[in-house]
Amino acid sequence: MTAGAEEVRLNLGHIELAAQLFGPADGLPVIALHGWLDNANSFVHLAPQLRGLRIVALDLAGHGHSAHRPPGASYALADYAFDVLCVAEQLGWKRFALLGHSLGAVISVQLAGALPERVSHLALIDGVVPPTGAQTDAAERLGMALTAQLRREGRPKTVYRTIEEGVRARMSGMVAVSQEAAAHLAQRGLMPVPGGYSWRSDSRLTLPSPMRLSEPQALAFVHRVQCPVCLVVAGEGLLARHTALLEQLPFTQNVLPGGHHLHLNDTVSAGLVADCFNRFFGFP
């Protein structure tokens, strides 16, 4: 359990999600969404530095201590958005803010674009829209995804002999993180199994997407957002490479030093992100 956070479980009917609560009960309602293959500990450095907010940091479905989707189901962005909406309904939040990193930022933008009347603020970290694709590639992509899904069935997870091995594996993943960040993610993400430890995340999360939006479709969500938006771009992260996209965004942008996980890699970088968001939310 993260120091200063309250652990809760939310039964949404179709799935049960785990979450951590930060901040005063009467604070501005915020749902925090982590990145792909991360978990709620993604906000361990950032959330305690944010003032005036009641933050519900979710383990997204298939991540951390949350349940996995049932057999035969997948992890579509729309399903994540529905989960978030159900969490808000259960909490009685008719209007709420979203704080999202990477995948969590993508989900946040899509939900805010789909239902702009429900979202009061968007605080985004190094993420906006999902990877896009050409419309002419749709059939080929679906075939690739279906083949990968068949091959994945029944394949065992990697087992690490020690927690330290699991941490090192996360440090050198597709998006590298610091040892400190990997250790925080491992605290919530590794589980004991025969022979050692394995990551809790659903192995189906690594399957390729069966379809991608075109760029105009992805940007349609961006242009439907009606609430104030603060986007933190990591100077050495993923978004910084997409200058053409950044130039099209009608969002306030703050470029900060650090990598894709700058809010988690160290407390100093997390403090810089917190400064941006505290000003954004009006609690400097």
Protein backbone atom coordinates (compact mmCIF):
# COMPACT_ATOMS: atom_id res chain seq x y z
CA MET A 1 0.00 0.00 0.00
CA THR A 2 1.25 3.49 -0.84
CA ALA A 3 1.92 5.68 2.19
CA GLY A 4 -0.88 8.20 2.71
CA ALA A 5 -3.25 6.44 0.31
CA GLU A 6 -6.43 4.54 1.15
CA GLU A 7 -7.01 1.26 -0.70
CA VAL A 8 -10.50 0.59 -2.07
CA ARG A 9 -12.19 -1.88 -4.40
CA LEU A 10 -14.96 -0.82 -6.76
CA ASN A 11 -17.41 -3.46 -7.98
CA LEU A 12 -18.81 -2.11 -11.24
CA GLY A 13 -20.97 -5.16 -11.95
CA HIS A 14 -19.12 -6.18 -15.11
CA ILE A 15 -15.68 -5.97 -13.43
CA GLU A 16 -14.04 -5.15 -10.10
CA LEU A 17 -11.33 -2.50 -10.03
CA ALA A 18 -8.81 -1.62 -7.34
CA ALA A 19 -7.93 1.98 -6.56
CA GLN A 20 -6.03 4.26 -4.22
CA LEU A 21 -7.58 7.40 -2.73
CA PHE A 22 -5.58 10.58 -2.14
CA GLY A 23 -6.50 14.01 -0.81
CA PRO A 24 -9.39 15.47 1.18
CA ALA A 25 -12.83 13.92 0.84
CA ASP A 26 -14.29 17.32 -0.10
CA GLY A 27 -11.64 18.06 -2.72
CA LEU A 28 -12.23 18.54 -6.44
CA PRO A 29 -13.12 15.06 -7.79
CA VAL A 30 -10.40 13.57 -9.99
CA ILE A 31 -10.01 10.12 -11.53
CA ALA A 32 -6.36 9.29 -12.27
CA LEU A 33 -5.49 6.83 -15.05
CA HIS A 34 -2.03 5.29 -15.45
CA GLY A 35 -0.21 4.15 -18.56
CA TRP A 36 0.00 0.82 -20.39
CA LEU A 37 1.33 -2.03 -18.19
CA ASP A 38 1.65 0.36 -15.22
CA ASN A 39 -0.67 0.61 -12.20
CA ALA A 40 -2.00 3.08 -9.63
CA ASN A 41 1.46 3.40 -8.07
CA SER A 42 2.30 5.48 -11.15
CA PHE A 43 1.01 8.44 -9.09
CA VAL A 44 2.87 7.67 -5.84
CA HIS A 45 5.11 10.76 -6.15
CA LEU A 46 2.66 13.09 -7.89
CA ALA A 47 -0.66 12.66 -6.07
CA PRO A 48 0.58 13.66 -2.58
CA GLN A 49 1.92 16.93 -4.07
CA LEU A 50 -1.40 17.91 -5.68
CA ARG A 51 -3.50 20.22 -3.50
CA GLY A 52 -7.26 20.50 -3.13
CA LEU A 53 -8.04 17.33 -5.08
CA ARG A 54 -9.86 14.13 -4.18
CA ILE A 55 -7.98 11.67 -6.39
CA VAL A 56 -9.16 8.16 -7.19
CA ALA A 57 -6.14 6.49 -8.81
CA LEU A 58 -7.39 3.37 -10.56
CA ASP A 59 -5.68 0.15 -11.47
CA LEU A 60 -7.12 -0.12 -14.97
CA ALA A 61 -8.71 -3.45 -15.90
CA GLY A 62 -6.04 -6.09 -16.42
CA HIS A 63 -3.47 -4.10 -14.43
CA GLY A 64 -2.30 -4.10 -10.82
CA HIS A 65 -4.85 -5.47 -8.36
CA SER A 66 -7.85 -5.00 -10.67
CA ALA A 67 -9.64 -7.93 -12.27
CA HIS A 68 -8.89 -9.10 -15.80
CA ARG A 69 -11.46 -9.04 -18.57
CA PRO A 70 -13.26 -12.39 -19.00
CA PRO A 71 -12.03 -14.98 -21.53
CA GLY A 72 -12.69 -13.89 -25.10
CA ALA A 73 -12.86 -10.20 -24.20
CA SER A 74 -10.31 -7.58 -25.19
CA TYR A 75 -8.99 -4.27 -23.89
CA ALA A 76 -10.48 -1.67 -26.21
CA LEU A 77 -10.20 2.03 -25.40
CA ALA A 78 -13.98 2.36 -25.36
CA ASP A 79 -14.19 -0.35 -22.67
CA TYR A 80 -11.72 1.53 -20.48
CA ALA A 81 -13.73 4.72 -20.95
CA PHE A 82 -16.89 2.88 -19.89
CA ASP A 83 -15.11 1.59 -16.77
CA VAL A 84 -14.14 5.15 -15.83
CA LEU A 85 -17.68 6.38 -16.38
CA CYS A 86 -19.02 3.57 -14.17
CA VAL A 87 -16.56 4.53 -11.42
CA ALA A 88 -17.82 8.11 -11.56
CA GLU A 89 -21.42 6.91 -11.42
CA GLN A 90 -20.69 4.72 -8.40
CA LEU A 91 -19.02 7.64 -6.62
CA GLY A 92 -21.93 9.94 -7.45
CA TRP A 93 -19.70 12.27 -9.49
CA LYS A 94 -21.77 13.83 -12.25
CA ARG A 95 -18.83 16.04 -13.19
CA PHE A 96 -15.19 15.20 -12.54
CA ALA A 97 -11.64 15.87 -13.71
CA LEU A 98 -9.33 13.36 -15.35
CA LEU A 99 -5.60 13.02 -14.72
CA GLY A 100 -4.01 10.68 -17.25
CA HIS A 101 -0.55 9.48 -18.21
CA SER A 102 0.15 7.93 -21.63
CA LEU A 103 -2.62 5.35 -22.20
CA GLY A 104 -4.51 7.02 -19.35
CA ALA A 105 -4.24 10.36 -21.14
CA VAL A 106 -5.62 8.81 -24.33
CA ILE A 107 -8.59 7.36 -22.45
CA SER A 108 -9.13 10.74 -20.76
CA VAL A 109 -9.23 12.66 -24.06
CA GLN A 110 -11.59 10.14 -25.63
CA LEU A 111 -14.00 10.25 -22.70
CA ALA A 112 -13.87 14.05 -22.51
CA GLY A 113 -14.52 14.25 -26.25
CA ALA A 114 -17.33 11.71 -26.16
CA LEU A 115 -19.10 13.20 -23.11
CA PRO A 116 -17.77 16.75 -22.71
CA GLU A 117 -20.49 17.69 -20.23
CA ARG A 118 -19.12 15.18 -17.69
CA VAL A 119 -15.45 16.28 -17.55
CA SER A 120 -14.42 19.50 -15.78
CA HIS A 121 -10.64 19.43 -16.37
CA LEU A 122 -8.05 17.38 -18.25
CA ALA A 123 -4.54 17.07 -16.80
CA LEU A 124 -2.46 15.04 -19.26
CA ILE A 125 1.08 13.65 -19.03
CA ASP A 126 2.85 12.73 -22.27
CA GLY A 127 -0.18 11.36 -24.05
CA VAL A 128 -3.15 12.62 -26.10
CA VAL A 129 -4.33 10.32 -28.91
CA PRO A 130 -3.67 6.64 -29.69
CA PRO A 131 -1.35 5.56 -32.52
CA THR A 132 -3.23 6.12 -35.75
CA GLY A 133 -3.29 4.09 -38.95
CA ALA A 134 -4.15 4.37 -42.62
CA GLN A 135 -7.67 3.29 -43.50
CA THR A 136 -6.31 1.07 -46.28
CA ASP A 137 -4.41 -1.02 -43.70
CA ALA A 138 -7.50 -1.97 -41.65
CA ALA A 139 -7.98 -5.51 -42.99
CA GLU A 140 -4.30 -6.40 -42.75
CA ARG A 141 -4.13 -5.10 -39.18
CA LEU A 142 -7.17 -7.14 -38.12
CA GLY A 143 -5.64 -10.29 -39.60
CA MET A 144 -2.37 -9.68 -37.77
CA ALA A 145 -4.21 -9.11 -34.48
CA LEU A 146 -6.36 -12.25 -34.83
CA THR A 147 -3.30 -14.37 -35.59
CA ALA A 148 -1.45 -12.96 -32.58
CA GLN A 149 -4.45 -13.65 -30.36
CA LEU A 150 -4.53 -17.32 -31.42
CA ARG A 151 -0.82 -17.70 -30.75
CA ARG A 152 -1.10 -16.07 -27.33
CA GLU A 153 -3.72 -18.52 -26.03
CA GLY A 154 -2.28 -20.68 -23.25
CA ARG A 155 1.21 -19.20 -23.43
CA PRO A 156 2.71 -19.04 -19.91
CA LYS A 157 3.89 -15.81 -18.35
CA THR A 158 7.55 -15.07 -17.70
CA VAL A 159 8.62 -16.05 -14.18
CA TYR A 160 11.40 -14.11 -12.44
CA ARG A 161 13.35 -15.83 -9.70
CA THR A 162 13.45 -12.69 -7.56
CA ILE A 163 11.62 -9.39 -7.26
CA GLU A 164 14.85 -7.67 -8.30
CA GLU A 165 14.82 -9.58 -11.61
CA GLY A 166 11.25 -8.43 -12.22
CA VAL A 167 12.23 -4.84 -11.46
CA ARG A 168 15.16 -5.00 -13.90
CA ALA A 169 12.86 -6.39 -16.60
CA ARG A 170 10.48 -3.46 -16.12
CA MET A 171 13.37 -0.97 -16.23
CA SER A 172 14.33 -2.19 -19.70
CA GLY A 173 10.79 -2.59 -21.08
CA MET A 174 9.43 -1.03 -24.26
CA VAL A 175 9.40 2.33 -22.43
CA ALA A 176 12.34 2.40 -20.00
CA VAL A 177 11.82 3.67 -16.45
CA SER A 178 14.16 4.42 -13.57
CA GLN A 179 14.92 1.79 -10.94
CA GLU A 180 12.89 3.78 -8.42
CA ALA A 181 9.89 3.90 -10.76
CA ALA A 182 10.15 0.20 -11.59
CA ALA A 183 10.31 -0.67 -7.89
CA HIS A 184 7.11 1.28 -7.19
CA LEU A 185 5.31 -0.40 -10.10
CA ALA A 186 6.59 -3.81 -8.96
CA GLN A 187 5.25 -3.22 -5.45
CA ARG A 188 1.75 -3.31 -6.89
CA GLY A 189 2.38 -5.30 -10.05
CA LEU A 190 4.43 -8.37 -9.13
CA MET A 191 2.85 -11.44 -7.55
CA PRO A 192 4.36 -14.64 -6.14
CA VAL A 193 4.00 -17.71 -8.36
CA PRO A 194 5.62 -21.16 -8.28
CA GLY A 195 9.30 -20.62 -8.95
CA GLY A 196 9.38 -16.90 -8.25
CA TYR A 197 7.38 -13.87 -9.31
CA SER A 198 5.34 -12.79 -12.31
CA TRP A 199 3.67 -9.54 -13.33
CA ARG A 200 -0.06 -9.44 -12.51
CA SER A 201 -0.98 -7.67 -15.75
CA ASP A 202 -3.07 -9.61 -18.23
CA SER A 203 -0.87 -10.99 -21.02
CA ARG A 204 -3.56 -9.98 -23.54
CA LEU A 205 -2.53 -6.36 -22.97
CA THR A 206 0.52 -6.97 -25.18
CA LEU A 207 -1.55 -8.06 -28.18
CA PRO A 208 -1.65 -5.68 -31.16
CA SER A 209 -4.75 -3.56 -31.57
CA PRO A 210 -7.19 -5.06 -34.12
CA MET A 211 -7.96 -1.61 -35.52
CA ARG A 212 -6.66 1.94 -35.38
CA LEU A 213 -8.37 5.27 -35.83
CA SER A 214 -7.35 7.48 -38.72
CA GLU A 215 -5.70 10.74 -37.71
CA PRO A 216 -8.85 12.79 -38.46
CA GLN A 217 -10.90 10.40 -36.29
CA ALA A 218 -8.43 10.67 -33.42
CA LEU A 219 -8.34 14.47 -33.63
CA ALA A 220 -12.16 14.59 -33.68
CA PHE A 221 -12.05 13.63 -29.98
CA VAL A 222 -9.54 16.40 -29.29
CA HIS A 223 -11.72 19.04 -30.92
CA ARG A 224 -14.82 17.93 -29.02
CA VAL A 225 -13.18 18.59 -25.64
CA GLN A 226 -14.79 21.61 -23.99
CA CYS A 227 -13.04 21.76 -20.60
CA PRO A 228 -9.70 23.40 -19.72
CA VAL A 229 -6.72 21.19 -20.59
CA CYS A 230 -3.14 21.17 -19.31
CA LEU A 231 -0.73 18.92 -21.22
CA VAL A 232 2.71 18.12 -19.82
CA VAL A 233 5.10 17.07 -22.58
CA ALA A 234 8.20 15.17 -21.42
CA GLY A 235 11.19 16.70 -23.19
CA GLU A 236 12.77 13.27 -23.67
CA GLY A 237 9.48 11.39 -23.83
CA LEU A 238 7.24 10.01 -26.58
CA LEU A 239 5.14 13.07 -27.49
CA ALA A 240 8.13 15.35 -28.07
CA ARG A 241 8.88 13.37 -31.26
CA HIS A 242 5.47 14.23 -32.73
CA THR A 243 5.84 17.95 -33.35
CA ALA A 244 3.23 17.98 -36.12
CA LEU A 245 0.63 16.59 -33.73
CA LEU A 246 1.57 18.98 -30.93
CA GLU A 247 1.17 21.94 -33.29
CA GLN A 248 -2.42 20.89 -34.01
CA LEU A 249 -3.51 20.64 -30.37
CA PRO A 250 -5.67 23.45 -28.93
CA PHE A 251 -4.33 22.63 -25.44
CA THR A 252 -2.05 24.50 -23.05
CA GLN A 253 1.32 22.73 -23.26
CA ASN A 254 4.18 22.63 -20.75
CA VAL A 255 7.46 21.02 -21.84
CA LEU A 256 9.37 19.67 -18.83
CA PRO A 257 12.74 17.90 -18.65
CA GLY A 258 12.59 14.13 -18.26
CA GLY A 259 11.43 10.94 -19.90
CA HIS A 260 8.00 9.47 -20.54
CA HIS A 261 7.54 8.59 -16.83
CA LEU A 262 8.86 11.91 -15.52
CA HIS A 263 6.08 12.03 -12.89
CA LEU A 264 7.30 8.74 -11.41
CA ASN A 265 11.02 8.47 -12.22
CA ASP A 266 12.03 10.79 -9.35
CA THR A 267 10.49 13.18 -6.83
CA VAL A 268 12.09 16.30 -8.36
CA SER A 269 10.47 15.75 -11.77
CA ALA A 270 7.19 14.85 -10.07
CA GLY A 271 7.39 18.17 -8.24
CA LEU A 272 7.69 20.05 -11.55
CA VAL A 273 4.62 18.27 -12.88
CA ALA A 274 2.77 19.00 -9.63
CA ASP A 275 3.61 22.71 -9.92
CA CYS A 276 2.01 22.79 -13.39
CA PHE A 277 -1.11 20.98 -12.29
CA ASN A 278 -1.55 22.90 -9.02
CA ARG A 279 -1.58 26.16 -11.00
CA PHE A 280 -3.93 24.59 -13.54
CA PHE A 281 -6.44 23.43 -10.92
CA GLY A 282 -6.20 26.76 -9.08
CA PHE A 283 -4.38 25.56 -5.98
CA PRO A 284 -0.87 27.08 -6.36
